[in-house]
Amino acid sequence: MRRLGIIAAPGWMDPTAADFLTRHPEHVEIAQTILGPAGHDMSFATIRSCEPHLLEAARLLVEAGCECIAQVGPIFAYQAGGSATGAQALGLRLSESVGVPVVLNGCAVLGALEELGIRRFAAVCPYYDAPWKAQFLSFMENAGYRVGGGQSFVDLGIFPSQDAVDARRYVFSEDEVLRAIQLNVEQSKQPEAVVVTGSGVRTLSWLPKAQERFGIPVISADAALYSAVVRTMQLSRGL
């Protein structure tokens, strides 16, 4: 039995543990903690200063016996790292400090892009508001990617307002997300892949179907993290 630690993003009921327990019930035990500080305001300033809180959370999980740490939410690596190189360096520092692999969600997404040799993709930003969307697009463009699409549920008219999106508390239907992917792909010029931002969109149950439908790889935050952890822990794939 392998022992996985999960650092959940603040402010929601993170389903990542359930994803692993459902797919690997006889092979994984899980301990989970939530990224601090308490009262996290999810501002960019607070997110950029998250490294000490990531380190504390990882240490707590290692003390509980975890042999690999999965951190949920790609925005934390993007913002705290400041660049693709900085995000990878952050993950390495954390891993070296606690003595076990720390898989940052943002690094898992970057790793998936690198593994597939993708340099041009259609971005899908379902629940991101305008500032979050701008930060994501700027990060990826500065990393050398050519990004098309980049539209949110609100931009696409799937939801009437950001308040309506936020009221869902990260619970969105497959049809809503697939509609957002379709429209963003249509607005992009020959994308090599699709990138769905944010682990608040859960894709594991329907991702293979989406890739078949669109004919190109679909890289989602939750699936990228799942795949990176499966590889790191040498688990059989449960997708």
Protein backbone atom coordinates (compact mmCIF):
# COMPACT_ATOMS: atom_id res chain seq x y z
CA MET A 1 0.00 0.00 0.00
CA ARG A 2 1.45 3.36 -1.09
CA ARG A 3 0.92 6.53 0.95
CA LEU A 4 -0.06 9.69 -0.87
CA GLY A 5 -0.33 13.13 0.71
CA ILE A 6 -2.57 15.79 -0.83
CA ILE A 7 -2.27 19.53 -0.29
CA ALA A 8 -5.73 20.81 -1.13
CA ALA A 9 -6.32 24.33 -2.35
CA PRO A 10 -8.10 26.50 0.24
CA GLY A 11 -11.80 27.23 0.22
CA TRP A 12 -13.37 24.12 -1.29
CA MET A 13 -14.09 20.43 -0.79
CA ASP A 14 -11.25 19.01 -2.88
CA PRO A 15 -12.24 15.76 -4.70
CA THR A 16 -8.67 14.73 -5.57
CA ALA A 17 -8.46 12.14 -2.78
CA ALA A 18 -11.68 10.54 -3.99
CA ASP A 19 -10.27 10.34 -7.52
CA PHE A 20 -7.33 8.26 -6.31
CA LEU A 21 -9.29 6.12 -3.86
CA THR A 22 -11.87 5.30 -6.53
CA ARG A 23 -9.24 4.28 -9.08
CA HIS A 24 -6.69 2.68 -6.72
CA PRO A 25 -8.66 1.41 -3.71
CA GLU A 26 -6.27 -1.44 -2.93
CA HIS A 27 -3.03 0.41 -3.59
CA VAL A 28 -3.20 3.88 -2.03
CA GLU A 29 -3.73 5.34 1.41
CA ILE A 30 -4.24 9.10 1.58
CA ALA A 31 -3.67 11.87 4.07
CA GLN A 32 -4.80 15.38 3.17
CA THR A 33 -4.24 18.86 4.49
CA ILE A 34 -5.30 22.30 3.26
CA LEU A 35 -2.89 24.97 2.13
CA GLY A 36 -2.70 27.84 4.62
CA PRO A 37 -2.96 30.41 5.91
CA ALA A 38 -6.40 30.29 7.48
CA GLY A 39 -8.59 32.98 5.96
CA HIS A 40 -6.79 32.65 2.61
CA ASP A 41 -8.10 35.45 0.38
CA MET A 42 -6.91 33.89 -2.90
CA SER A 43 -5.37 37.19 -3.95
CA PHE A 44 -2.37 37.06 -6.25
CA ALA A 45 -0.19 38.58 -3.52
CA THR A 46 -1.12 35.82 -1.09
CA ILE A 47 -0.72 33.09 -3.69
CA ARG A 48 2.72 34.38 -4.69
CA SER A 49 3.87 34.09 -1.08
CA CYS A 50 2.64 30.51 -0.65
CA GLU A 51 6.01 28.71 -0.58
CA PRO A 52 6.36 28.64 3.24
CA HIS A 53 2.80 27.33 3.55
CA LEU A 54 3.42 24.68 0.90
CA LEU A 55 6.54 23.61 2.78
CA GLU A 56 4.70 23.40 6.11
CA ALA A 57 1.85 21.38 4.57
CA ALA A 58 4.28 19.00 2.86
CA ARG A 59 6.22 18.48 6.10
CA LEU A 60 3.02 17.64 7.97
CA LEU A 61 2.13 15.04 5.36
CA VAL A 62 5.60 13.51 5.39
CA GLU A 63 5.43 13.29 9.18
CA ALA A 64 2.21 11.29 8.69
CA GLY A 65 4.13 8.82 6.54
CA CYS A 66 3.38 10.05 3.02
CA GLU A 67 5.91 9.10 0.35
CA CYS A 68 4.65 11.45 -2.35
CA ILE A 69 2.88 14.81 -2.12
CA ALA A 70 0.34 16.08 -4.67
CA GLN A 71 -0.46 19.80 -4.56
CA VAL A 72 -3.81 20.79 -6.08
CA GLY A 73 -4.33 23.98 -8.10
CA PRO A 74 -1.91 25.02 -10.88
CA ILE A 75 -2.16 28.76 -10.13
CA PHE A 76 0.06 28.32 -7.05
CA ALA A 77 3.09 27.05 -8.98
CA TYR A 78 2.54 29.60 -11.75
CA GLN A 79 2.32 32.55 -9.38
CA ALA A 80 4.85 31.49 -6.74
CA GLY A 81 7.32 30.37 -9.40
CA GLY A 82 6.78 33.40 -11.61
CA SER A 83 7.81 31.50 -14.74
CA ALA A 84 7.91 27.95 -16.05
CA THR A 85 11.53 27.62 -14.90
CA GLY A 86 10.66 29.16 -11.54
CA ALA A 87 7.73 26.79 -11.05
CA GLN A 88 9.94 23.77 -11.69
CA ALA A 89 12.56 25.15 -9.31
CA LEU A 90 9.90 25.61 -6.62
CA GLY A 91 8.86 21.98 -6.93
CA LEU A 92 12.48 20.85 -6.69
CA ARG A 93 13.11 22.99 -3.58
CA LEU A 94 10.07 21.57 -1.83
CA SER A 95 10.96 17.99 -2.76
CA GLU A 96 14.53 18.39 -1.53
CA SER A 97 13.39 20.07 1.69
CA VAL A 98 10.94 17.31 2.71
CA GLY A 99 12.76 14.32 1.21
CA VAL A 100 9.92 12.99 -0.96
CA PRO A 101 8.59 14.03 -4.39
CA VAL A 102 6.29 17.05 -4.27
CA VAL A 103 4.21 17.15 -7.46
CA LEU A 104 2.97 20.68 -8.09
CA ASN A 105 -0.18 20.88 -10.19
CA GLY A 106 1.19 23.64 -12.40
CA CYS A 107 4.37 21.67 -13.04
CA ALA A 108 2.26 18.64 -13.97
CA VAL A 109 0.49 20.70 -16.64
CA LEU A 110 3.80 22.04 -17.95
CA GLY A 111 5.21 18.52 -17.93
CA ALA A 112 2.27 17.20 -19.95
CA LEU A 113 2.79 19.91 -22.57
CA GLU A 114 6.51 19.15 -22.71
CA GLU A 115 5.99 15.40 -22.96
CA LEU A 116 3.70 15.83 -25.96
CA GLY A 117 5.88 18.47 -27.60
CA ILE A 118 3.03 20.97 -27.63
CA ARG A 119 3.86 24.62 -28.39
CA ARG A 120 0.46 25.88 -29.60
CA PHE A 121 -2.79 25.20 -27.77
CA ALA A 122 -6.35 26.36 -27.25
CA ALA A 123 -6.81 27.54 -23.67
CA VAL A 124 -10.13 26.96 -21.94
CA CYS A 125 -10.62 29.06 -18.79
CA PRO A 126 -14.06 27.93 -17.61
CA TYR A 127 -14.49 29.56 -14.21
CA TYR A 128 -11.63 32.08 -14.25
CA ASP A 129 -12.56 35.74 -13.93
CA ALA A 130 -10.82 38.35 -16.10
CA PRO A 131 -7.74 38.91 -13.86
CA TRP A 132 -7.14 35.17 -13.34
CA LYS A 133 -7.53 34.53 -17.05
CA ALA A 134 -5.07 37.32 -17.88
CA GLN A 135 -2.51 35.92 -15.43
CA PHE A 136 -2.75 32.43 -16.90
CA LEU A 137 -2.48 33.60 -20.50
CA SER A 138 0.47 35.88 -19.68
CA PHE A 139 2.29 33.06 -17.87
CA MET A 140 1.90 30.65 -20.78
CA GLU A 141 2.82 33.20 -23.43
CA ASN A 142 5.92 34.19 -21.46
CA ALA A 143 6.80 30.49 -21.33
CA GLY A 144 6.89 30.49 -25.12
CA TYR A 145 3.50 28.98 -25.92
CA ARG A 146 1.19 30.27 -28.62
CA VAL A 147 -2.23 30.40 -26.99
CA GLY A 148 -5.60 30.66 -28.69
CA GLY A 149 -9.09 30.74 -27.28
CA GLY A 150 -8.71 31.71 -23.65
CA GLN A 151 -12.41 32.31 -23.12
CA SER A 152 -14.38 31.63 -19.96
CA PHE A 153 -17.93 30.44 -19.31
CA VAL A 154 -19.00 34.08 -19.07
CA ASP A 155 -17.11 35.17 -22.21
CA LEU A 156 -18.81 32.39 -24.15
CA GLY A 157 -22.32 33.09 -22.85
CA ILE A 158 -22.59 29.70 -21.14
CA PHE A 159 -23.15 31.50 -17.82
CA PRO A 160 -24.75 34.94 -17.54
CA SER A 161 -22.27 36.38 -15.02
CA GLN A 162 -19.19 35.64 -12.92
CA ASP A 163 -21.45 35.59 -9.85
CA ALA A 164 -23.39 32.72 -11.43
CA VAL A 165 -20.14 30.84 -12.05
CA ASP A 166 -18.88 31.44 -8.51
CA ALA A 167 -22.19 30.27 -7.04
CA ARG A 168 -21.55 26.79 -8.44
CA ARG A 169 -18.60 26.30 -6.05
CA TYR A 170 -16.60 24.46 -8.74
CA VAL A 171 -19.37 22.04 -9.69
CA PHE A 172 -19.84 22.06 -13.45
CA SER A 173 -21.39 19.55 -15.81
CA GLU A 174 -19.57 17.63 -18.51
CA ASP A 175 -21.77 19.28 -21.13
CA GLU A 176 -20.92 22.78 -19.91
CA VAL A 177 -17.19 22.15 -20.02
CA LEU A 178 -17.31 20.36 -23.38
CA ARG A 179 -19.26 23.28 -24.82
CA ALA A 180 -16.55 25.66 -23.57
CA ILE A 181 -13.85 23.47 -25.12
CA GLN A 182 -15.66 23.33 -28.44
CA LEU A 183 -16.08 27.10 -28.68
CA ASN A 184 -12.48 27.81 -27.69
CA VAL A 185 -11.14 25.30 -30.21
CA GLU A 186 -13.24 26.95 -32.91
CA GLN A 187 -11.68 30.32 -32.04
CA SER A 188 -8.12 28.97 -32.22
CA LYS A 189 -5.90 28.52 -35.27
CA GLN A 190 -5.04 24.84 -35.68
CA PRO A 191 -4.27 24.11 -32.02
CA GLU A 192 -2.07 21.13 -31.26
CA ALA A 193 -3.88 20.52 -27.98
CA VAL A 194 -6.43 21.90 -25.54
CA VAL A 195 -5.47 23.08 -22.04
CA VAL A 196 -8.30 23.32 -19.51
CA THR A 197 -7.24 25.58 -16.66
CA GLY A 198 -7.96 25.03 -13.00
CA SER A 199 -8.56 21.89 -10.93
CA GLY A 200 -12.07 23.09 -10.15
CA VAL A 201 -13.08 21.43 -13.42
CA ARG A 202 -13.06 17.66 -12.99
CA THR A 203 -12.40 15.73 -16.19
CA LEU A 204 -11.14 12.24 -15.37
CA SER A 205 -14.46 10.51 -16.02
CA TRP A 206 -14.88 11.88 -19.54
CA LEU A 207 -11.43 12.95 -20.74
CA PRO A 208 -10.85 10.04 -23.18
CA LYS A 209 -14.20 10.77 -24.82
CA ALA A 210 -13.28 14.46 -25.17
CA GLN A 211 -9.94 13.65 -26.79
CA GLU A 212 -11.67 11.38 -29.28
CA ARG A 213 -14.26 14.06 -30.03
CA PHE A 214 -11.77 16.87 -30.66
CA GLY A 215 -9.04 14.77 -32.23
CA ILE A 216 -6.23 16.42 -30.24
CA PRO A 217 -4.86 15.96 -26.71
CA VAL A 218 -6.88 17.58 -23.93
CA ILE A 219 -4.66 18.52 -21.00
CA SER A 220 -6.68 19.32 -17.91
CA ALA A 221 -5.32 20.34 -14.53
CA ASP A 222 -6.84 17.43 -12.61
CA ALA A 223 -5.80 14.80 -15.15
CA ALA A 224 -2.28 16.19 -15.48
CA LEU A 225 -1.80 15.99 -11.72
CA TYR A 226 -3.30 12.50 -11.59
CA SER A 227 -1.01 11.25 -14.36
CA ALA A 228 2.09 12.82 -12.81
CA VAL A 229 1.37 11.21 -9.43
CA VAL A 230 0.62 7.82 -11.00
CA ARG A 231 3.97 7.98 -12.79
CA THR A 232 5.86 9.18 -9.70
CA MET A 233 4.36 6.50 -7.44
CA GLN A 234 4.53 3.80 -10.15
CA LEU A 235 0.85 2.99 -9.91
CA SER A 236 -1.10 1.29 -12.65
CA ARG A 237 -3.22 3.84 -14.50
CA GLY A 238 -6.84 3.92 -13.41
CA LEU A 239 -8.23 6.29 -16.06
